[in-house]
Protein backbone atom coordinates (compact mmCIF):
# COMPACT_ATOMS: atom_id res chain seq x y z
CA MET A 1 -30.73 -18.92 -22.94
CA ASP A 2 -27.27 -19.69 -23.87
CA GLU A 3 -27.58 -16.31 -25.91
CA VAL A 4 -28.45 -14.63 -22.37
CA LYS A 5 -25.55 -16.38 -20.62
CA SER A 6 -22.97 -15.80 -23.21
CA LEU A 7 -23.95 -12.07 -22.92
CA LEU A 8 -23.89 -12.12 -19.21
CA GLU A 9 -20.56 -13.45 -19.18
CA GLU A 10 -19.35 -11.05 -21.70
CA ILE A 11 -20.41 -8.07 -19.94
CA TRP A 12 -18.95 -9.70 -16.97
CA LEU A 13 -15.77 -9.71 -18.06
CA GLN A 14 -15.94 -6.34 -19.62
CA HIS A 15 -16.59 -4.98 -16.21
CA GLN A 16 -13.97 -6.83 -14.47
CA SER A 17 -11.44 -5.65 -17.40
CA MET A 18 -12.11 -2.45 -17.24
CA ASN A 19 -12.05 -2.42 -13.03
CA LYS A 20 -8.39 -3.58 -13.57
CA SER A 21 -7.77 -0.93 -15.91
CA GLN A 22 -8.77 1.69 -13.80
CA GLU A 23 -6.76 0.22 -10.74
CA ARG A 24 -4.00 0.26 -12.73
CA PHE A 25 -4.09 3.72 -14.23
CA SER A 26 -5.67 5.71 -10.73
CA ALA A 27 -2.63 7.10 -9.66
CA GLN A 28 -1.69 8.60 -13.13
CA LEU A 29 -5.25 9.65 -14.29
CA ALA A 30 -7.49 9.99 -10.94
CA PRO A 31 -10.52 9.33 -13.03
CA ASP A 32 -13.04 9.17 -9.67
CA PHE A 33 -11.77 12.53 -8.37
CA LYS A 34 -14.17 15.40 -9.12
CA MET A 35 -13.00 18.61 -7.66
CA LEU A 36 -16.20 19.96 -7.95
CA SER A 37 -17.75 17.95 -5.41
CA ILE A 38 -15.99 19.06 -2.58
CA LEU A 39 -15.62 22.85 -3.21
CA GLY A 40 -17.52 24.94 -0.55
CA SER A 41 -16.39 27.77 1.98
CA ASP A 42 -17.60 26.59 4.95
CA GLU A 43 -15.61 24.79 7.73
CA LEU A 44 -17.59 21.22 7.20
CA ALA A 45 -16.52 21.56 3.34
CA LEU A 46 -12.82 22.69 4.14
CA SER A 47 -12.73 19.10 6.36
CA LYS A 48 -14.34 17.17 3.52
CA TYR A 49 -11.53 18.66 1.28
CA PHE A 50 -8.71 17.35 3.96
CA ALA A 51 -10.71 14.10 4.63
CA LEU A 52 -10.96 12.94 0.80
CA LEU A 53 -7.17 13.65 0.18
CA LEU A 54 -5.99 11.87 3.89
CA ASN A 55 -8.15 8.91 2.87
CA PRO A 56 -5.71 6.23 1.31
CA ARG A 57 -8.63 4.86 -0.62
CA GLY A 58 -10.09 8.34 -1.85
CA GLU A 59 -11.17 9.15 -5.28
CA HIS A 60 -7.84 10.53 -5.74
CA GLY A 61 -6.14 7.40 -6.88
CA GLN A 62 -2.85 8.73 -5.21
CA GLY A 63 -3.19 6.05 -1.97
CA SER A 64 -1.45 7.19 1.34
CA LEU A 65 0.45 9.76 -0.72
CA PHE A 66 -1.31 12.52 0.80
CA LEU A 67 -1.90 11.16 4.31
CA ASP A 68 1.94 10.78 4.57
CA LEU A 69 2.64 14.14 3.00
CA PHE A 70 0.28 15.66 5.68
CA LEU A 71 2.15 13.49 8.92
CA GLN A 72 4.98 14.57 7.89
CA GLN A 73 4.19 18.08 8.57
CA PHE A 74 4.27 17.06 12.47
CA ASP A 75 5.99 15.32 14.89
CA ILE A 76 4.65 11.69 13.59
CA PRO A 77 4.19 9.49 16.48
CA SER A 78 6.71 6.77 17.00
CA TRP A 79 3.71 4.30 17.45
CA LEU A 80 2.95 5.00 13.50
CA ARG A 81 4.28 2.97 10.85
CA LYS A 82 4.36 3.60 7.52
CA GLU A 83 2.53 0.27 6.31
CA GLU A 84 -0.24 1.27 8.34
CA LEU A 85 -0.91 4.48 6.09
CA VAL A 86 -2.61 2.46 3.35
CA ASN A 87 -5.17 0.35 5.86
CA CYS A 88 -6.11 4.11 7.60
CA LYS A 89 -9.84 4.74 7.92
CA VAL A 90 -11.06 8.74 7.98
CA THR A 91 -14.45 9.40 9.38
CA LEU A 92 -15.97 12.68 8.87
CA GLU A 93 -17.67 14.31 12.05
CA LYS A 94 -16.85 11.83 14.47
CA GLN A 95 -19.22 11.46 17.68
CA THR A 96 -17.00 11.88 20.86
CA ASN A 97 -18.24 11.03 24.20
CA ALA A 98 -19.07 14.53 25.19
CA MET A 99 -21.49 15.00 22.36
CA ARG A 100 -19.41 17.05 20.30
CA ARG A 101 -17.59 16.01 16.53
CA ILE A 102 -13.95 16.15 15.90
CA ASP A 103 -14.01 17.14 12.01
CA ILE A 104 -11.90 14.48 11.05
CA PHE A 105 -10.70 11.29 12.98
CA LEU A 106 -8.16 9.10 11.72
CA GLN A 107 -8.10 5.31 12.77
CA PHE A 108 -5.03 3.19 12.60
CA LYS A 109 -4.40 -0.22 13.54
CA SER A 110 -1.81 0.94 16.36
CA GLY A 111 -3.93 4.66 17.12
CA VAL A 112 -5.59 7.25 16.32
CA ILE A 113 -5.47 10.68 15.31
CA GLY A 114 -7.99 13.83 15.72
CA ILE A 115 -7.58 17.19 13.20
CA GLU A 116 -9.84 19.72 14.79
CA ASN A 117 -10.14 22.26 11.77
CA LYS A 118 -11.11 25.80 12.79
CA PRO A 119 -9.83 28.42 10.52
CA TRP A 120 -12.81 31.14 11.46
CA ALA A 121 -14.62 30.04 14.54
CA VAL A 122 -13.14 30.09 18.07
CA GLU A 123 -12.93 27.18 20.32
CA GLN A 124 -15.57 26.24 22.30
CA ASN A 125 -15.37 25.75 26.19
CA ASN A 126 -13.21 22.60 27.31
CA GLN A 127 -13.17 21.35 23.54
CA LEU A 128 -9.65 20.38 22.69
CA ASN A 129 -9.54 18.46 26.37
CA ASP A 130 -12.67 16.70 25.71
CA TYR A 131 -11.31 15.67 22.43
CA LYS A 132 -8.15 14.59 23.94
CA ASP A 133 -9.85 12.58 26.65
CA PHE A 134 -12.05 10.72 23.46
CA LEU A 135 -8.68 9.96 21.78
CA LYS A 136 -7.18 8.76 24.68
CA SER A 137 -10.11 6.45 25.64
CA SER A 138 -10.11 5.17 21.89
CA VAL A 139 -6.89 3.40 22.08
CA LYS A 140 -5.59 0.43 23.34
CA GLN A 141 -2.00 1.92 23.93
CA MET A 142 -2.41 5.06 26.48
CA ASP A 143 -0.02 7.06 24.47
CA ASN A 144 -1.24 5.87 20.85
CA TYR A 145 -3.17 9.35 19.82
CA LEU A 146 -2.57 12.51 18.30
CA LEU A 147 -4.67 15.76 18.47
CA ILE A 148 -4.02 18.09 15.65
CA TYR A 149 -5.17 21.49 15.88
CA ILE A 150 -5.65 23.43 12.43
CA CYS A 151 -6.62 27.23 13.59
CA ASN A 152 -5.82 31.35 13.15
CA SER A 153 -5.12 31.27 16.89
CA SER A 154 -3.61 29.56 19.96
CA PRO A 155 -6.08 26.79 21.78
CA SER A 156 -7.49 28.17 24.90
CA SER A 157 -8.58 25.17 26.29
CA LEU A 158 -5.98 22.20 26.21
CA ASP A 159 -4.08 21.31 29.57
């Protein structure tokens, strides 16, 4: 029985050591990042790719680096503090109150960001207004939300 206990303790120590090593070197090596797992040629695949990169706890091992660089491309809202980025919760296909699905939903302590990705499809009737209303209803502070629309044409339904 002591041999089994000793073996299990050794396995546990090896596992802990491996986890610590992986944490230490993940930013340089990204051992869990598998590009082939996300490749595709449709809107959902593109959203998965964005979400994977924007997730600070993503397999890429780069923390909030991609999220920070992405948000720098826009006027980062004053309510969003840089230290909040590491705790961002990323959700794909977030169901809205209007029974729509916003492609990527970023939730921070102080607010939310919705990303609608339309590389090939056209915007649906009143779609962006529905998303705006959903984002507004998702926050405590009235203006602590941002809707980012990535498309090949100008939005037509946003007030």
